[in-house]
N, C-alpha and C. Protein backbone atom coordinates (compact mmCIF):
# COMPACT_ATOMS: atom_id res chain seq x y z
N MET A 1 -41.49 12.41 162.15
CA MET A 1 -40.94 12.21 160.84
C MET A 1 -39.47 11.87 160.97
N LYS A 2 -39.07 10.81 160.33
CA LYS A 2 -37.68 10.36 160.41
C LYS A 2 -36.80 11.20 159.49
N MET A 3 -35.70 11.69 160.02
CA MET A 3 -34.73 12.45 159.23
C MET A 3 -33.85 11.45 158.48
N PRO A 4 -33.61 11.68 157.19
CA PRO A 4 -32.77 10.75 156.45
C PRO A 4 -31.31 10.88 156.84
N ASN A 5 -30.60 9.78 156.72
CA ASN A 5 -29.16 9.77 156.90
C ASN A 5 -28.56 10.39 155.64
N THR A 6 -27.78 11.45 155.79
CA THR A 6 -27.26 12.15 154.61
C THR A 6 -26.34 11.27 153.77
N ASP A 7 -25.76 10.23 154.34
CA ASP A 7 -24.92 9.32 153.56
C ASP A 7 -25.75 8.51 152.57
N GLU A 8 -27.05 8.36 152.85
CA GLU A 8 -27.94 7.58 152.00
C GLU A 8 -28.52 8.42 150.86
N ILE A 9 -28.38 9.72 150.91
CA ILE A 9 -28.98 10.61 149.93
C ILE A 9 -27.97 10.92 148.83
N PRO A 10 -28.34 10.68 147.57
CA PRO A 10 -27.42 11.00 146.47
C PRO A 10 -27.06 12.49 146.45
N ASP A 11 -25.89 12.79 145.96
CA ASP A 11 -25.38 14.16 145.94
C ASP A 11 -26.32 15.12 145.22
N ASP A 12 -26.89 14.69 144.08
CA ASP A 12 -27.78 15.59 143.34
C ASP A 12 -29.04 15.91 144.13
N ILE A 13 -29.52 14.96 144.91
CA ILE A 13 -30.72 15.20 145.71
C ILE A 13 -30.39 16.08 146.92
N ARG A 14 -29.20 15.93 147.47
CA ARG A 14 -28.76 16.85 148.54
C ARG A 14 -28.69 18.28 148.02
N PHE A 15 -28.18 18.44 146.79
CA PHE A 15 -28.11 19.75 146.16
C PHE A 15 -29.52 20.31 145.92
N LEU A 16 -30.43 19.45 145.46
CA LEU A 16 -31.82 19.85 145.27
C LEU A 16 -32.44 20.29 146.59
N THR A 17 -32.15 19.58 147.64
CA THR A 17 -32.65 19.94 148.98
C THR A 17 -32.12 21.30 149.41
N LEU A 18 -30.86 21.57 149.12
CA LEU A 18 -30.28 22.87 149.42
C LEU A 18 -31.06 23.97 148.70
N LEU A 19 -31.31 23.79 147.41
CA LEU A 19 -32.07 24.79 146.64
C LEU A 19 -33.44 25.02 147.27
N HIS A 20 -34.08 23.93 147.65
CA HIS A 20 -35.39 24.02 148.30
C HIS A 20 -35.30 24.77 149.63
N ASN A 21 -34.31 24.43 150.42
CA ASN A 21 -34.18 25.03 151.75
C ASN A 21 -33.81 26.51 151.71
N ILE A 22 -33.11 26.94 150.68
CA ILE A 22 -32.76 28.37 150.59
C ILE A 22 -33.86 29.17 149.90
N GLY A 23 -34.94 28.48 149.51
CA GLY A 23 -36.12 29.20 149.04
C GLY A 23 -36.24 29.40 147.55
N ALA A 24 -35.42 28.75 146.74
CA ALA A 24 -35.52 28.88 145.28
C ALA A 24 -36.62 27.95 144.78
N ILE A 25 -37.88 28.33 145.05
CA ILE A 25 -39.01 27.43 144.80
C ILE A 25 -40.04 27.99 143.83
N SER A 26 -39.72 29.08 143.18
CA SER A 26 -40.64 29.65 142.19
C SER A 26 -39.85 30.60 141.30
N PRO A 27 -40.40 30.94 140.13
CA PRO A 27 -39.69 31.89 139.27
C PRO A 27 -39.38 33.21 139.98
N GLU A 28 -40.27 33.65 140.83
CA GLU A 28 -40.06 34.91 141.56
C GLU A 28 -38.93 34.82 142.57
N ARG A 29 -38.63 33.63 143.03
CA ARG A 29 -37.59 33.43 144.04
C ARG A 29 -36.38 32.69 143.48
N SER A 30 -36.28 32.63 142.17
CA SER A 30 -35.20 31.90 141.51
C SER A 30 -33.85 32.57 141.75
N LEU A 31 -32.79 31.79 141.58
CA LEU A 31 -31.43 32.27 141.83
C LEU A 31 -30.54 32.01 140.62
N SER A 32 -29.58 32.89 140.42
CA SER A 32 -28.59 32.71 139.35
C SER A 32 -27.56 31.65 139.77
N ILE A 33 -26.79 31.19 138.81
CA ILE A 33 -25.73 30.22 139.10
C ILE A 33 -24.74 30.80 140.11
N GLU A 34 -24.42 32.08 139.96
CA GLU A 34 -23.47 32.71 140.88
C GLU A 34 -24.04 32.77 142.30
N GLU A 35 -25.32 33.08 142.43
CA GLU A 35 -25.94 33.12 143.76
C GLU A 35 -25.97 31.74 144.38
N ILE A 36 -26.33 30.74 143.59
CA ILE A 36 -26.36 29.36 144.09
C ILE A 36 -24.96 28.92 144.49
N SER A 37 -23.99 29.29 143.69
CA SER A 37 -22.59 28.96 143.97
C SER A 37 -22.17 29.48 145.35
N ARG A 38 -22.55 30.72 145.63
CA ARG A 38 -22.20 31.30 146.95
C ARG A 38 -22.91 30.55 148.08
N TRP A 39 -24.20 30.26 147.91
CA TRP A 39 -24.94 29.54 148.95
C TRP A 39 -24.38 28.14 149.19
N ALA A 40 -24.06 27.46 148.08
CA ALA A 40 -23.61 26.06 148.18
C ALA A 40 -22.12 25.93 148.44
N ALA A 41 -21.38 27.04 148.30
CA ALA A 41 -19.92 27.04 148.48
C ALA A 41 -19.24 26.05 147.54
N ILE A 42 -19.71 26.04 146.29
CA ILE A 42 -19.07 25.24 145.25
C ILE A 42 -18.90 26.11 144.01
N GLU A 43 -18.00 25.69 143.14
CA GLU A 43 -17.68 26.46 141.94
C GLU A 43 -18.87 26.54 140.98
N PRO A 44 -19.01 27.66 140.27
CA PRO A 44 -20.12 27.81 139.33
C PRO A 44 -20.22 26.70 138.29
N HIS A 45 -19.09 26.17 137.80
CA HIS A 45 -19.17 25.10 136.80
C HIS A 45 -19.78 23.83 137.40
N GLU A 46 -19.54 23.58 138.69
CA GLU A 46 -20.15 22.42 139.36
C GLU A 46 -21.64 22.64 139.53
N VAL A 47 -22.02 23.88 139.88
CA VAL A 47 -23.44 24.21 140.01
C VAL A 47 -24.13 23.97 138.67
N ARG A 48 -23.52 24.43 137.59
CA ARG A 48 -24.09 24.27 136.25
C ARG A 48 -24.31 22.78 135.94
N GLU A 49 -23.33 21.95 136.25
CA GLU A 49 -23.45 20.50 136.00
C GLU A 49 -24.60 19.90 136.80
N LYS A 50 -24.68 20.27 138.07
CA LYS A 50 -25.74 19.73 138.93
C LYS A 50 -27.12 20.19 138.45
N LEU A 51 -27.22 21.44 138.05
CA LEU A 51 -28.50 21.96 137.56
C LEU A 51 -28.92 21.26 136.27
N LEU A 52 -27.96 20.99 135.41
CA LEU A 52 -28.26 20.28 134.16
C LEU A 52 -28.83 18.89 134.45
N LYS A 53 -28.21 18.19 135.38
CA LYS A 53 -28.68 16.86 135.75
C LYS A 53 -30.09 16.93 136.36
N LEU A 54 -30.30 17.86 137.27
CA LEU A 54 -31.61 18.00 137.91
C LEU A 54 -32.66 18.47 136.91
N SER A 55 -32.26 19.30 135.99
CA SER A 55 -33.18 19.78 134.95
C SER A 55 -33.64 18.63 134.06
N SER A 56 -32.74 17.71 133.75
CA SER A 56 -33.10 16.57 132.90
C SER A 56 -34.13 15.67 133.58
N LYS A 57 -34.18 15.72 134.91
CA LYS A 57 -35.17 14.94 135.67
C LYS A 57 -36.42 15.76 135.99
N ARG A 58 -36.45 17.01 135.50
CA ARG A 58 -37.55 17.94 135.73
C ARG A 58 -37.69 18.36 137.19
N TYR A 59 -36.60 18.31 137.93
CA TYR A 59 -36.61 18.74 139.33
C TYR A 59 -36.33 20.23 139.46
N VAL A 60 -35.67 20.81 138.48
CA VAL A 60 -35.46 22.26 138.46
C VAL A 60 -35.81 22.80 137.08
N ASN A 61 -36.14 24.08 137.07
CA ASN A 61 -36.42 24.78 135.82
C ASN A 61 -35.74 26.14 135.92
N PHE A 62 -35.79 26.90 134.86
CA PHE A 62 -35.19 28.22 134.90
C PHE A 62 -36.09 29.24 134.22
N CYS A 63 -35.85 30.47 134.53
CA CYS A 63 -36.48 31.59 133.85
C CYS A 63 -35.37 32.57 133.51
N ILE A 64 -35.65 33.49 132.63
CA ILE A 64 -34.65 34.49 132.25
C ILE A 64 -35.11 35.83 132.81
N SER A 65 -34.22 36.47 133.53
CA SER A 65 -34.50 37.79 134.10
C SER A 65 -33.28 38.66 133.87
N GLY A 66 -33.47 39.74 133.11
CA GLY A 66 -32.33 40.61 132.83
C GLY A 66 -31.22 39.90 132.10
N ASN A 67 -31.55 39.03 131.16
CA ASN A 67 -30.58 38.24 130.38
C ASN A 67 -29.78 37.26 131.22
N VAL A 68 -30.27 36.92 132.41
CA VAL A 68 -29.58 35.95 133.29
C VAL A 68 -30.53 34.79 133.55
N ARG A 69 -30.01 33.58 133.38
CA ARG A 69 -30.81 32.39 133.75
C ARG A 69 -30.86 32.30 135.26
N ARG A 70 -32.08 32.11 135.76
CA ARG A 70 -32.29 31.97 137.19
C ARG A 70 -33.05 30.66 137.42
N TYR A 71 -32.61 29.88 138.38
CA TYR A 71 -33.10 28.53 138.58
C TYR A 71 -33.96 28.41 139.84
N TYR A 72 -34.92 27.47 139.76
CA TYR A 72 -35.79 27.21 140.90
C TYR A 72 -36.25 25.75 140.88
N VAL A 73 -36.68 25.28 142.04
CA VAL A 73 -37.15 23.91 142.20
C VAL A 73 -38.59 23.83 141.69
N THR A 74 -38.87 22.82 140.87
CA THR A 74 -40.22 22.61 140.35
C THR A 74 -41.07 21.85 141.38
N VAL A 75 -42.34 21.71 141.06
CA VAL A 75 -43.23 20.93 141.93
C VAL A 75 -42.71 19.50 142.04
N GLU A 76 -42.26 18.92 140.92
CA GLU A 76 -41.70 17.56 140.96
C GLU A 76 -40.47 17.51 141.86
N GLY A 77 -39.65 18.56 141.81
CA GLY A 77 -38.48 18.63 142.66
C GLY A 77 -38.85 18.73 144.13
N MET A 78 -39.88 19.53 144.42
CA MET A 78 -40.34 19.64 145.81
C MET A 78 -40.84 18.30 146.33
N ARG A 79 -41.55 17.58 145.49
CA ARG A 79 -42.02 16.24 145.89
C ARG A 79 -40.85 15.32 146.18
N LYS A 80 -39.82 15.40 145.34
CA LYS A 80 -38.63 14.55 145.54
C LYS A 80 -37.96 14.90 146.87
N VAL A 81 -37.80 16.19 147.15
CA VAL A 81 -37.19 16.62 148.41
C VAL A 81 -38.01 16.08 149.58
N LEU A 82 -39.32 16.28 149.53
CA LEU A 82 -40.17 15.86 150.64
C LEU A 82 -40.18 14.35 150.80
N SER A 83 -40.00 13.61 149.70
CA SER A 83 -40.00 12.14 149.79
C SER A 83 -38.78 11.63 150.55
N THR A 84 -37.73 12.42 150.66
CA THR A 84 -36.55 11.97 151.40
C THR A 84 -36.83 11.93 152.90
N TYR A 85 -37.89 12.58 153.34
CA TYR A 85 -38.23 12.62 154.76
C TYR A 85 -39.22 11.55 155.15
N SER A 86 -39.71 10.77 154.19
CA SER A 86 -40.69 9.74 154.55
C SER A 86 -40.16 8.35 154.34
């Protein structure tokens, strides 16, 4: 399987791949904006913007746990991540 050149991958898809790779792939394994911010080493407001964009494409969804939005990669998002490897 050919590994993609990261320069060819749009920033939002790289971010989606990060979410996938850290395991945020179901409501049970979802992460808060603050947790994602720490993993991605970017500011929470940037995480929020990226999640909004990915959400509009149905690549991520969220659930509410303890009054906190927690985000995870959807099946469509997983397909998009995997398509970068083919």
